[in-house]
Amino acid sequence: MSYETSNIPLLSFPVRAEYPPFAIVSDTHVGARNSAYPAFVRIIEELEIETIIHTGDIINKPGSLRQWKRFFETTGSEKTLHVAPGNHDIRFKRSREVYGRFFPFQYYSFSQGDTLFVMLNTVLPRQRSRIAGRQLEWLQTELKRDFRFKFVFLHEPLFPVLPLHGLNVFRRARNKLHRLFAENGVSLVVAGHNHLYGRSERDDVIYVVTGNTGGKLFPFGLVSKNRGSFRYIVATRIDGHYLLEVRDMDGNVTDRFSVSSGKPRSFLYSRPVPRPKSLLAPALTDRKLFGTSRLQRLQGRNR
């Protein structure tokens, strides 16, 4: 079933943001011939967005210093960057070592006002496609913190668009993780990995699979020459809720929804949104986080 809405008009009335907007992107595969990451960066610069949340598969070849260098050069030094690593970022020992040079925390959290952002790792050694061990213990404690909004970001989705292409390969562990989210007031869970966009809601938790901005397009494994096939998300905090717009590389809005402290609802219509059938990490807390330097972002502090 397709539940994307095409040709959604841009908002024609003024929107006053409570916090600076941020962009969510996934599977950029920097180093692949068709990576649209440079175009994405140009777009968010035009939109004056300074914060990027990336849900993994940043580069195409695990452990490639050349591709990491290209990624950081393209991103620029003025952007605030948060990452949940993917299987193209961390696959074997050397790639983990290279990743650790740039991102010292395998998983972590940060906050902005009344919102907690949790960055998880689905590619830890011997824990692929699961949240387990110390990371799960840390997450259970972290989600008990008192925040109005709790957003979770990870690479592999709990409820993938493609069968058995996410955390559902371990269904018991996946179901336990979903219950943890539902029981602790998680509003939004964003993943990548599938190279297809999807949105669903379960027990008042909205799940989004972002699509990709480079690499192969599933399910046919074709390399797309059409940039309009790629997706990213712009999130804005307005009137006490978050408005999220899914856009293609030509600026068309292909989906729009809002997340409030209650049930997520469509922003344009007053009805529920469509429902389709390492080690202990520190919390990075800074009220000015969305404008901090890279050094400040990476240092963090133990709670």
C-alpha atoms as a PDB file:
ATOM      1  CA  MET A   1       0.000   0.000   0.000  1.00  0.00           C
ATOM      2  CA  SER A   2       1.285   3.450  -0.890  1.00  0.00           C
ATOM      3  CA  TYR A   3       0.528   6.193   1.598  1.00  0.00           C
ATOM      4  CA  GLU A   4       2.725   9.030   0.403  1.00  0.00           C
ATOM      5  CA  THR A   5       0.830  12.081  -0.732  1.00  0.00           C
ATOM      6  CA  SER A   6       2.221  13.759  -3.823  1.00  0.00           C
ATOM      7  CA  ASN A   7       1.990  17.434  -4.742  1.00  0.00           C
ATOM      8  CA  ILE A   8       1.354  18.626  -1.196  1.00  0.00           C
ATOM      9  CA  PRO A   9       1.322  22.437  -1.360  1.00  0.00           C
ATOM     10  CA  LEU A  10       3.834  24.522   0.537  1.00  0.00           C
ATOM     11  CA  LEU A  11       2.388  26.321   3.547  1.00  0.00           C
ATOM     12  CA  SER A  12       1.013  29.680   2.458  1.00  0.00           C
ATOM     13  CA  PHE A  13       0.764  31.231   5.929  1.00  0.00           C
ATOM     14  CA  PRO A  14       3.638  32.415   8.132  1.00  0.00           C
ATOM     15  CA  VAL A  15       5.243  29.849  10.422  1.00  0.00           C
ATOM     16  CA  ARG A  16       7.012  31.057  13.567  1.00  0.00           C
ATOM     17  CA  ALA A  17       9.595  28.535  14.734  1.00  0.00           C
ATOM     18  CA  GLU A  18      10.167  28.132  18.478  1.00  0.00           C
ATOM     19  CA  TYR A  19      13.596  26.548  17.905  1.00  0.00           C
ATOM     20  CA  PRO A  20      15.862  26.500  14.871  1.00  0.00           C
ATOM     21  CA  PRO A  21      14.731  23.858  12.357  1.00  0.00           C
ATOM     22  CA  PHE A  22      16.799  20.759  11.736  1.00  0.00           C
ATOM     23  CA  ALA A  23      17.138  18.333   8.840  1.00  0.00           C
ATOM     24  CA  ILE A  24      17.005  14.535   8.954  1.00  0.00           C
ATOM     25  CA  VAL A  25      18.798  12.544   6.279  1.00  0.00           C
ATOM     26  CA  SER A  26      19.873   8.952   5.801  1.00  0.00           C
ATOM     27  CA  ASP A  27      21.838   6.632   3.536  1.00  0.00           C
ATOM     28  CA  THR A  28      23.768   9.360   1.737  1.00  0.00           C
ATOM     29  CA  HIS A  29      26.454   6.871   0.637  1.00  0.00           C
ATOM     30  CA  VAL A  30      29.078   9.540   0.071  1.00  0.00           C
ATOM     31  CA  GLY A  31      31.528   8.069  -2.423  1.00  0.00           C
ATOM     32  CA  ALA A  32      28.836   6.400  -4.517  1.00  0.00           C
ATOM     33  CA  ARG A  33      28.461   7.857  -7.983  1.00  0.00           C
ATOM     34  CA  ASN A  34      24.887   8.965  -7.416  1.00  0.00           C
ATOM     35  CA  SER A  35      25.189  10.389  -3.899  1.00  0.00           C
ATOM     36  CA  ALA A  36      23.025  13.498  -3.682  1.00  0.00           C
ATOM     37  CA  TYR A  37      24.565  14.652  -0.408  1.00  0.00           C
ATOM     38  CA  PRO A  38      26.229  17.762  -1.933  1.00  0.00           C
ATOM     39  CA  ALA A  39      22.854  18.823  -3.323  1.00  0.00           C
ATOM     40  CA  PHE A  40      21.223  18.194   0.056  1.00  0.00           C
ATOM     41  CA  VAL A  41      23.790  20.413   1.805  1.00  0.00           C
ATOM     42  CA  ARG A  42      23.192  23.206  -0.706  1.00  0.00           C
ATOM     43  CA  ILE A  43      19.450  22.948  -0.096  1.00  0.00           C
ATOM     44  CA  ILE A  44      19.669  23.180   3.689  1.00  0.00           C
ATOM     45  CA  GLU A  45      22.113  26.072   3.410  1.00  0.00           C
ATOM     46  CA  GLU A  46      19.508  27.926   1.348  1.00  0.00           C
ATOM     47  CA  LEU A  47      16.969  27.092   4.066  1.00  0.00           C
ATOM     48  CA  GLU A  48      19.444  28.326   6.726  1.00  0.00           C
ATOM     49  CA  ILE A  49      19.342  24.988   8.540  1.00  0.00           C
ATOM     50  CA  GLU A  50      22.440  24.421  10.649  1.00  0.00           C
ATOM     51  CA  THR A  51      21.698  21.078  12.326  1.00  0.00           C
ATOM     52  CA  ILE A  52      21.755  17.687  10.584  1.00  0.00           C
ATOM     53  CA  ILE A  53      20.597  14.423  12.136  1.00  0.00           C
ATOM     54  CA  HIS A  54      21.908  11.504  10.082  1.00  0.00           C
ATOM     55  CA  THR A  55      20.538   7.977  10.555  1.00  0.00           C
ATOM     56  CA  GLY A  56      23.481   6.161   9.059  1.00  0.00           C
ATOM     57  CA  ASP A  57      25.208   4.800   5.973  1.00  0.00           C
ATOM     58  CA  ILE A  58      26.942   8.127   5.674  1.00  0.00           C
ATOM     59  CA  ILE A  59      29.666   6.812   3.390  1.00  0.00           C
ATOM     60  CA  ASN A  60      29.582   4.027   0.827  1.00  0.00           C
ATOM     61  CA  LYS A  61      32.771   2.065   1.587  1.00  0.00           C
ATOM     62  CA  PRO A  62      33.275   1.120   5.253  1.00  0.00           C
ATOM     63  CA  GLY A  63      36.535   2.461   6.649  1.00  0.00           C
ATOM     64  CA  SER A  64      37.327   4.742   3.700  1.00  0.00           C
ATOM     65  CA  LEU A  65      39.189   7.793   4.990  1.00  0.00           C
ATOM     66  CA  ARG A  66      38.838   9.399   1.576  1.00  0.00           C
ATOM     67  CA  GLN A  67      35.050   9.155   1.719  1.00  0.00           C
ATOM     68  CA  TRP A  68      34.913  10.425   5.297  1.00  0.00           C
ATOM     69  CA  LYS A  69      37.077  13.366   4.278  1.00  0.00           C
ATOM     70  CA  ARG A  70      34.727  14.115   1.392  1.00  0.00           C
ATOM     71  CA  PHE A  71      31.731  13.914   3.717  1.00  0.00           C
ATOM     72  CA  PHE A  72      33.145  16.409   6.224  1.00  0.00           C
ATOM     73  CA  GLU A  73      34.366  18.758   3.494  1.00  0.00           C
ATOM     74  CA  THR A  74      30.894  18.739   1.944  1.00  0.00           C
ATOM     75  CA  THR A  75      29.150  19.225   5.290  1.00  0.00           C
ATOM     76  CA  GLY A  76      31.344  22.161   6.280  1.00  0.00           C
ATOM     77  CA  SER A  77      32.606  23.148   9.698  1.00  0.00           C
ATOM     78  CA  GLU A  78      29.627  25.328  10.640  1.00  0.00           C
ATOM     79  CA  LYS A  79      27.031  22.540  10.759  1.00  0.00           C
ATOM     80  CA  THR A  80      26.001  20.745  13.930  1.00  0.00           C
ATOM     81  CA  LEU A  81      25.989  17.028  13.177  1.00  0.00           C
ATOM     82  CA  HIS A  82      24.432  14.086  15.032  1.00  0.00           C
ATOM     83  CA  VAL A  83      24.828  10.527  13.789  1.00  0.00           C
ATOM     84  CA  ALA A  84      23.377   7.057  14.359  1.00  0.00           C
ATOM     85  CA  PRO A  85      25.827   4.815  12.459  1.00  0.00           C
ATOM     86  CA  GLY A  86      24.860   2.377   9.713  1.00  0.00           C
ATOM     87  CA  ASN A  87      26.337  -0.810   8.313  1.00  0.00           C
ATOM     88  CA  HIS A  88      28.311   1.107   5.670  1.00  0.00           C
ATOM     89  CA  ASP A  89      29.894   3.201   8.430  1.00  0.00           C
ATOM     90  CA  ILE A  90      30.762   0.335  10.793  1.00  0.00           C
ATOM     91  CA  ARG A  91      31.192  -3.172   9.406  1.00  0.00           C
ATOM     92  CA  PHE A  92      34.517  -4.562  10.618  1.00  0.00           C
ATOM     93  CA  LYS A  93      37.269  -3.681  13.087  1.00  0.00           C
ATOM     94  CA  ARG A  94      39.122  -1.116  10.989  1.00  0.00           C
ATOM     95  CA  SER A  95      35.929   0.677   9.976  1.00  0.00           C
ATOM     96  CA  ARG A  96      34.962   0.898  13.674  1.00  0.00           C
ATOM     97  CA  GLU A  97      38.354   2.401  14.468  1.00  0.00           C
ATOM     98  CA  VAL A  98      38.023   4.941  11.666  1.00  0.00           C
ATOM     99  CA  TYR A  99      34.485   5.841  12.741  1.00  0.00           C
ATOM    100  CA  GLY A 100      35.705   6.320  16.320  1.00  0.00           C
ATOM    101  CA  ARG A 101      38.181   8.969  15.194  1.00  0.00           C
ATOM    102  CA  PHE A 102      35.297  11.215  14.196  1.00  0.00           C
ATOM    103  CA  PHE A 103      32.525  10.091  16.563  1.00  0.00           C
ATOM    104  CA  PRO A 104      33.778   8.976  20.001  1.00  0.00           C
ATOM    105  CA  PHE A 105      30.373   7.794  21.269  1.00  0.00           C
ATOM    106  CA  GLN A 106      28.758   4.660  19.858  1.00  0.00           C
ATOM    107  CA  TYR A 107      25.372   5.875  21.131  1.00  0.00           C
ATOM    108  CA  TYR A 108      24.337   8.940  23.107  1.00  0.00           C
ATOM    109  CA  SER A 109      21.609  11.479  23.776  1.00  0.00           C
ATOM    110  CA  PHE A 110      21.250  15.234  23.716  1.00  0.00           C
ATOM    111  CA  SER A 111      18.438  17.626  24.521  1.00  0.00           C
ATOM    112  CA  GLN A 112      16.959  20.862  23.285  1.00  0.00           C
ATOM    113  CA  GLY A 113      14.463  22.530  25.597  1.00  0.00           C
ATOM    114  CA  ASP A 114      11.718  19.998  26.403  1.00  0.00           C
ATOM    115  CA  THR A 115      12.883  17.467  23.797  1.00  0.00           C
ATOM    116  CA  LEU A 116      15.195  14.483  24.277  1.00  0.00           C
ATOM    117  CA  PHE A 117      17.016  13.158  21.211  1.00  0.00           C
ATOM    118  CA  VAL A 118      18.419   9.614  21.479  1.00  0.00           C
ATOM    119  CA  MET A 119      20.948   8.310  18.938  1.00  0.00           C
ATOM    120  CA  LEU A 120      21.176   4.498  18.925  1.00  0.00           C
ATOM    121  CA  ASN A 121      23.539   2.013  17.293  1.00  0.00           C
ATOM    122  CA  THR A 122      22.135  -1.044  15.470  1.00  0.00           C
ATOM    123  CA  VAL A 123      25.532  -2.222  14.176  1.00  0.00           C
ATOM    124  CA  LEU A 124      27.488  -2.945  17.351  1.00  0.00           C
ATOM    125  CA  PRO A 125      29.675  -6.091  17.221  1.00  0.00           C
ATOM    126  CA  ARG A 126      27.642  -9.263  17.907  1.00  0.00           C
ATOM    127  CA  GLN A 127      24.514  -7.104  18.301  1.00  0.00           C
ATOM    128  CA  ARG A 128      23.682  -6.345  14.667  1.00  0.00           C
ATOM    129  CA  SER A 129      19.989  -5.584  14.113  1.00  0.00           C
ATOM    130  CA  ARG A 130      19.346  -5.428  17.874  1.00  0.00           C
ATOM    131  CA  ILE A 131      19.490  -3.033  20.785  1.00  0.00           C
ATOM    132  CA  ALA A 132      20.902  -5.210  23.547  1.00  0.00           C
ATOM    133  CA  GLY A 133      23.379  -5.441  26.407  1.00  0.00           C
ATOM    134  CA  ARG A 134      24.738  -2.244  27.901  1.00  0.00           C
ATOM    135  CA  GLN A 135      23.142  -0.112  25.211  1.00  0.00           C
ATOM    136  CA  LEU A 136      19.690  -1.432  26.158  1.00  0.00           C
ATOM    137  CA  GLU A 137      20.375  -0.892  29.872  1.00  0.00           C
ATOM    138  CA  TRP A 138      21.491   2.666  29.135  1.00  0.00           C
ATOM    139  CA  LEU A 139      18.418   3.258  26.958  1.00  0.00           C
ATOM    140  CA  GLN A 140      16.029   2.024  29.649  1.00  0.00           C
ATOM    141  CA  THR A 141      17.494   4.559  32.070  1.00  0.00           C
ATOM    142  CA  GLU A 142      17.638   7.345  29.505  1.00  0.00           C
ATOM    143  CA  LEU A 143      13.973   7.062  28.516  1.00  0.00           C
ATOM    144  CA  LYS A 144      12.887   7.546  32.130  1.00  0.00           C
ATOM    145  CA  ARG A 145      14.118  11.135  31.988  1.00  0.00           C
ATOM    146  CA  ASP A 146      11.413  13.787  32.212  1.00  0.00           C
ATOM    147  CA  PHE A 147      10.921  15.307  28.755  1.00  0.00           C
ATOM    148  CA  ARG A 148       7.749  16.301  26.947  1.00  0.00           C
ATOM    149  CA  PHE A 149       9.052  14.928  23.644  1.00  0.00           C
ATOM    150  CA  LYS A 150      11.322  11.915  23.199  1.00  0.00           C
ATOM    151  CA  PHE A 151      12.704  11.239  19.717  1.00  0.00           C
ATOM    152  CA  VAL A 152      14.779   8.172  18.845  1.00  0.00           C
ATOM    153  CA  PHE A 153      17.068   7.824  15.821  1.00  0.00           C
ATOM    154  CA  LEU A 154      18.691   4.607  14.605  1.00  0.00           C
ATOM    155  CA  HIS A 155      19.772   3.055  11.325  1.00  0.00           C
ATOM    156  CA  GLU A 156      17.775  -0.163  11.032  1.00  0.00           C
ATOM    157  CA  PRO A 157      13.992   0.308  11.432  1.00  0.00           C
ATOM    158  CA  LEU A 158      11.843  -1.635  13.855  1.00  0.00           C
ATOM    159  CA  PHE A 159       9.075  -1.881  11.262  1.00  0.00           C
ATOM    160  CA  PRO A 160      10.819  -1.798   7.877  1.00  0.00           C
ATOM    161  CA  VAL A 161       9.246  -1.068   4.526  1.00  0.00           C
ATOM    162  CA  LEU A 162      11.084  -4.105   3.135  1.00  0.00           C
ATOM    163  CA  PRO A 163      10.449  -7.497   4.797  1.00  0.00           C
ATOM    164  CA  LEU A 164      13.249  -8.663   7.116  1.00  0.00           C
ATOM    165  CA  HIS A 165      15.332  -5.580   6.373  1.00  0.00           C
ATOM    166  CA  GLY A 166      15.559  -4.194   9.877  1.00  0.00           C
ATOM    167  CA  LEU A 167      15.200  -5.071  13.550  1.00  0.00           C
ATOM    168  CA  ASN A 168      12.292  -7.410  12.753  1.00  0.00           C
ATOM    169  CA  VAL A 169      14.795 -10.194  12.021  1.00  0.00           C
ATOM    170  CA  PHE A 170      14.801 -10.591  15.821  1.00  0.00           C
ATOM    171  CA  ARG A 171      11.094 -10.168  16.505  1.00  0.00           C
ATOM    172  CA  ARG A 172      11.137 -10.719  20.271  1.00  0.00           C
ATOM    173  CA  ALA A 173      13.881  -8.153  20.761  1.00  0.00           C
ATOM    174  CA  ARG A 174      12.110  -5.768  18.358  1.00  0.00           C
ATOM    175  CA  ASN A 175       8.791  -6.125  20.176  1.00  0.00           C
ATOM    176  CA  LYS A 176      10.493  -5.558  23.532  1.00  0.00           C
ATOM    177  CA  LEU A 177      12.080  -2.390  22.181  1.00  0.00           C
ATOM    178  CA  HIS A 178       8.745  -1.145  20.849  1.00  0.00           C
ATOM    179  CA  ARG A 179       7.108  -1.731  24.251  1.00  0.00           C
ATOM    180  CA  LEU A 180       9.927   0.221  25.877  1.00  0.00           C
ATOM    181  CA  PHE A 181       9.253   3.140  23.538  1.00  0.00           C
ATOM    182  CA  ALA A 182       5.472   3.010  24.013  1.00  0.00           C
ATOM    183  CA  GLU A 183       5.646   2.730  27.808  1.00  0.00           C
ATOM    184  CA  ASN A 184       8.097   5.622  28.148  1.00  0.00           C
ATOM    185  CA  GLY A 185       6.360   8.204  26.004  1.00  0.00           C
ATOM    186  CA  VAL A 186       8.532   8.105  22.894  1.00  0.00           C
ATOM    187  CA  SER A 187       6.798  10.262  20.288  1.00  0.00           C
ATOM    188  CA  LEU A 188       8.860   9.570  17.174  1.00  0.00           C
ATOM    189  CA  VAL A 189      11.303   6.910  15.949  1.00  0.00           C
ATOM    190  CA  VAL A 190      13.258   7.637  12.754  1.00  0.00           C
ATOM    191  CA  ALA A 191      15.363   5.095  10.853  1.00  0.00           C
ATOM    192  CA  GLY A 192      16.893   4.554   7.425  1.00  0.00           C
ATOM    193  CA  HIS A 193      18.466   1.459   5.817  1.00  0.00           C
ATOM    194  CA  ASN A 194      15.564   0.540   3.493  1.00  0.00           C
ATOM    195  CA  HIS A 195      16.220   3.162   0.799  1.00  0.00           C
ATOM    196  CA  LEU A 196      12.448   3.654   0.680  1.00  0.00           C
ATOM    197  CA  TYR A 197      10.206   6.075   2.546  1.00  0.00           C
ATOM    198  CA  GLY A 198       7.545   4.830   4.951  1.00  0.00           C
ATOM    199  CA  ARG A 199       5.471   6.083   7.883  1.00  0.00           C
ATOM    200  CA  SER A 200       3.291   4.167  10.335  1.00  0.00           C
ATOM    201  CA  GLU A 201       1.920   4.480  13.855  1.00  0.00           C
ATOM    202  CA  ARG A 202       1.777   1.869  16.608  1.00  0.00           C
ATOM    203  CA  ASP A 203       0.589   2.479  20.171  1.00  0.00           C
ATOM    204  CA  ASP A 204       0.897   6.257  19.691  1.00  0.00           C
ATOM    205  CA  VAL A 205       4.522   5.964  18.540  1.00  0.00           C
ATOM    206  CA  ILE A 206       5.086   7.221  15.016  1.00  0.00           C
ATOM    207  CA  TYR A 207       7.697   5.328  13.013  1.00  0.00           C
ATOM    208  CA  VAL A 208       9.398   6.856   9.981  1.00  0.00           C
ATOM    209  CA  VAL A 209      11.784   5.256   7.489  1.00  0.00           C
ATOM    210  CA  THR A 210      13.438   8.230   5.839  1.00  0.00           C
ATOM    211  CA  GLY A 211      14.406   6.904   2.436  1.00  0.00           C
ATOM    212  CA  ASN A 212      17.864   7.556   1.030  1.00  0.00           C
ATOM    213  CA  THR A 213      19.932  10.321  -0.534  1.00  0.00           C
ATOM    214  CA  GLY A 214      22.336   8.100  -2.453  1.00  0.00           C
ATOM    215  CA  GLY A 215      23.137   4.493  -3.283  1.00  0.00           C
ATOM    216  CA  LYS A 216      20.814   1.830  -4.640  1.00  0.00           C
ATOM    217  CA  LEU A 217      17.062   2.177  -4.740  1.00  0.00           C
ATOM    218  CA  PHE A 218      15.196  -0.869  -3.494  1.00  0.00           C
ATOM    219  CA  PRO A 219      13.452  -3.176  -4.198  1.00  0.00           C
ATOM    220  CA  PHE A 220      15.032  -3.513  -7.616  1.00  0.00           C
ATOM    221  CA  GLY A 221      18.617  -2.629  -6.696  1.00  0.00           C
ATOM    222  CA  LEU A 222      18.786   0.008  -9.405  1.00  0.00           C
ATOM    223  CA  VAL A 223      20.989   3.076  -9.168  1.00  0.00           C
ATOM    224  CA  SER A 224      18.650   5.990  -9.717  1.00  0.00           C
ATOM    225  CA  LYS A 225      19.498   8.776 -12.121  1.00  0.00           C
ATOM    226  CA  ASN A 226      16.484  10.728 -10.885  1.00  0.00           C
ATOM    227  CA  ARG A 227      17.378  12.901  -7.893  1.00  0.00           C
ATOM    228  CA  GLY A 228      13.679  13.313  -7.247  1.00  0.00           C
ATOM    229  CA  SER A 229      13.646   9.731  -5.991  1.00  0.00           C
ATOM    230  CA  PHE A 230      15.711  10.733  -2.963  1.00  0.00           C
ATOM    231  CA  ARG A 231      14.222  12.095   0.269  1.00  0.00           C
ATOM    232  CA  TYR A 232      15.115  14.138   3.343  1.00  0.00           C
ATOM    233  CA  ILE A 233      13.058  15.611   6.188  1.00  0.00           C
ATOM    234  CA  VAL A 234      12.839  19.148   7.550  1.00  0.00           C
ATOM    235  CA  ALA A 235      11.602  19.401  11.155  1.00  0.00           C
ATOM    236  CA  THR A 236      10.365  22.648  12.711  1.00  0.00           C
ATOM    237  CA  ARG A 237       9.048  23.304  16.220  1.00  0.00           C
ATOM    238  CA  ILE A 238       5.955  25.536  16.059  1.00  0.00           C
ATOM    239  CA  ASP A 239       2.989  26.166  18.355  1.00  0.00           C
ATOM    240  CA  GLY A 240       4.078  23.533  20.855  1.00  0.00           C
ATOM    241  CA  HIS A 241       4.477  20.687  18.367  1.00  0.00           C
ATOM    242  CA  TYR A 242       6.870  19.546  15.652  1.00  0.00           C
ATOM    243  CA  LEU A 243       6.014  19.877  11.977  1.00  0.00           C
ATOM    244  CA  LEU A 244       7.874  17.428   9.738  1.00  0.00           C
ATOM    245  CA  GLU A 245       7.968  17.770   5.965  1.00  0.00           C
ATOM    246  CA  VAL A 246       9.355  15.042   3.720  1.00  0.00           C
ATOM    247  CA  ARG A 247      10.855  16.591   0.592  1.00  0.00           C
ATOM    248  CA  ASP A 248      12.481  15.372  -2.584  1.00  0.00           C
ATOM    249  CA  MET A 249      15.572  16.939  -4.124  1.00  0.00           C
ATOM    250  CA  ASP A 250      13.440  19.274  -6.233  1.00  0.00           C
ATOM    251  CA  GLY A 251      11.780  20.748  -3.148  1.00  0.00           C
ATOM    252  CA  ASN A 252       8.433  18.984  -3.550  1.00  0.00           C
ATOM    253  CA  VAL A 253       6.740  18.060  -0.271  1.00  0.00           C
ATOM    254  CA  THR A 254       5.755  14.386  -0.505  1.00  0.00           C
ATOM    255  CA  ASP A 255       4.492  13.956   3.055  1.00  0.00           C
ATOM    256  CA  ARG A 256       3.703  16.288   5.937  1.00  0.00           C
ATOM    257  CA  PHE A 257       2.727  15.446   9.500  1.00  0.00           C
ATOM    258  CA  SER A 258       3.055  16.824  12.997  1.00  0.00           C
ATOM    259  CA  VAL A 259       4.103  15.292  16.294  1.00  0.00           C
ATOM    260  CA  SER A 260       2.507  16.626  19.457  1.00  0.00           C
ATOM    261  CA  SER A 261       2.727  15.458  23.044  1.00  0.00           C
ATOM    262  CA  GLY A 262      -0.452  13.493  22.338  1.00  0.00           C
ATOM    263  CA  LYS A 263      -1.118  11.534  19.148  1.00  0.00           C
ATOM    264  CA  PRO A 264       0.670  12.589  15.975  1.00  0.00           C
ATOM    265  CA  ARG A 265      -1.756  14.378  13.663  1.00  0.00           C
ATOM    266  CA  SER A 266      -1.864  15.689  10.151  1.00  0.00           C
ATOM    267  CA  PHE A 267      -0.940  19.379  10.082  1.00  0.00           C
ATOM    268  CA  LEU A 268      -3.251  20.352   7.228  1.00  0.00           C
ATOM    269  CA  TYR A 269      -6.261  18.339   8.325  1.00  0.00           C
ATOM    270  CA  SER A 270      -7.780  17.926  11.776  1.00  0.00           C
ATOM    271  CA  ARG A 271      -7.682  14.132  11.774  1.00  0.00           C
ATOM    272  CA  PRO A 272      -5.178  11.431  12.738  1.00  0.00           C
ATOM    273  CA  VAL A 273      -2.331  10.827  10.326  1.00  0.00           C
ATOM    274  CA  PRO A 274      -2.753   7.897   7.871  1.00  0.00           C
ATOM    275  CA  ARG A 275      -2.071   4.482   9.399  1.00  0.00           C
ATOM    276  CA  PRO A 276      -0.700   2.016   6.849  1.00  0.00           C
ATOM    277  CA  LYS A 277      -1.503  -1.800   7.081  1.00  0.00           C
ATOM    278  CA  SER A 278      31.134   1.120  23.697  1.00  0.00           C
ATOM    279  CA  LEU A 279      29.796   1.381  26.728  1.00  0.00           C
ATOM    280  CA  LEU A 280      27.690   3.719  28.750  1.00  0.00           C
ATOM    281  CA  ALA A 281      27.402   6.887  26.710  1.00  0.00           C
ATOM    282  CA  PRO A 282      27.086  10.388  28.102  1.00  0.00           C
ATOM    283  CA  ALA A 283      24.148  12.662  27.534  1.00  0.00           C
ATOM    284  CA  LEU A 284      25.078  15.770  25.599  1.00  0.00           C
ATOM    285  CA  THR A 285      22.946  18.481  27.138  1.00  0.00           C
ATOM    286  CA  ASP A 286      23.281  22.096  26.099  1.00  0.00           C
ATOM    287  CA  ARG A 287      20.501  24.609  25.611  1.00  0.00           C
ATOM    288  CA  LYS A 288      22.562  26.136  22.820  1.00  0.00           C
ATOM    289  CA  LEU A 289      23.358  22.736  21.343  1.00  0.00           C
ATOM    290  CA  PHE A 290      21.944  23.582  17.940  1.00  0.00           C
ATOM    291  CA  GLY A 291      24.748  26.091  17.513  1.00  0.00           C
ATOM    292  CA  THR A 292      27.684  24.473  19.298  1.00  0.00           C
ATOM    293  CA  SER A 293      31.070  23.810  17.795  1.00  0.00           C
ATOM    294  CA  ARG A 294      32.117  20.332  16.696  1.00  0.00           C
ATOM    295  CA  LEU A 295      34.486  20.105  19.678  1.00  0.00           C
ATOM    296  CA  GLN A 296      31.692  20.968  22.088  1.00  0.00           C
ATOM    297  CA  ARG A 297      29.393  18.468  20.426  1.00  0.00           C
ATOM    298  CA  LEU A 298      31.842  15.607  20.691  1.00  0.00           C
ATOM    299  CA  GLN A 299      33.163  16.243  24.185  1.00  0.00           C
ATOM    300  CA  GLY A 300      29.898  15.875  26.097  1.00  0.00           C
ATOM    301  CA  ARG A 301      29.990  15.082  29.775  1.00  0.00           C
ATOM    302  CA  ASN A 302      29.114  12.206  32.065  1.00  0.00           C
ATOM    303  CA  ARG A 303      25.900  12.568  33.977  1.00  0.00           C
END
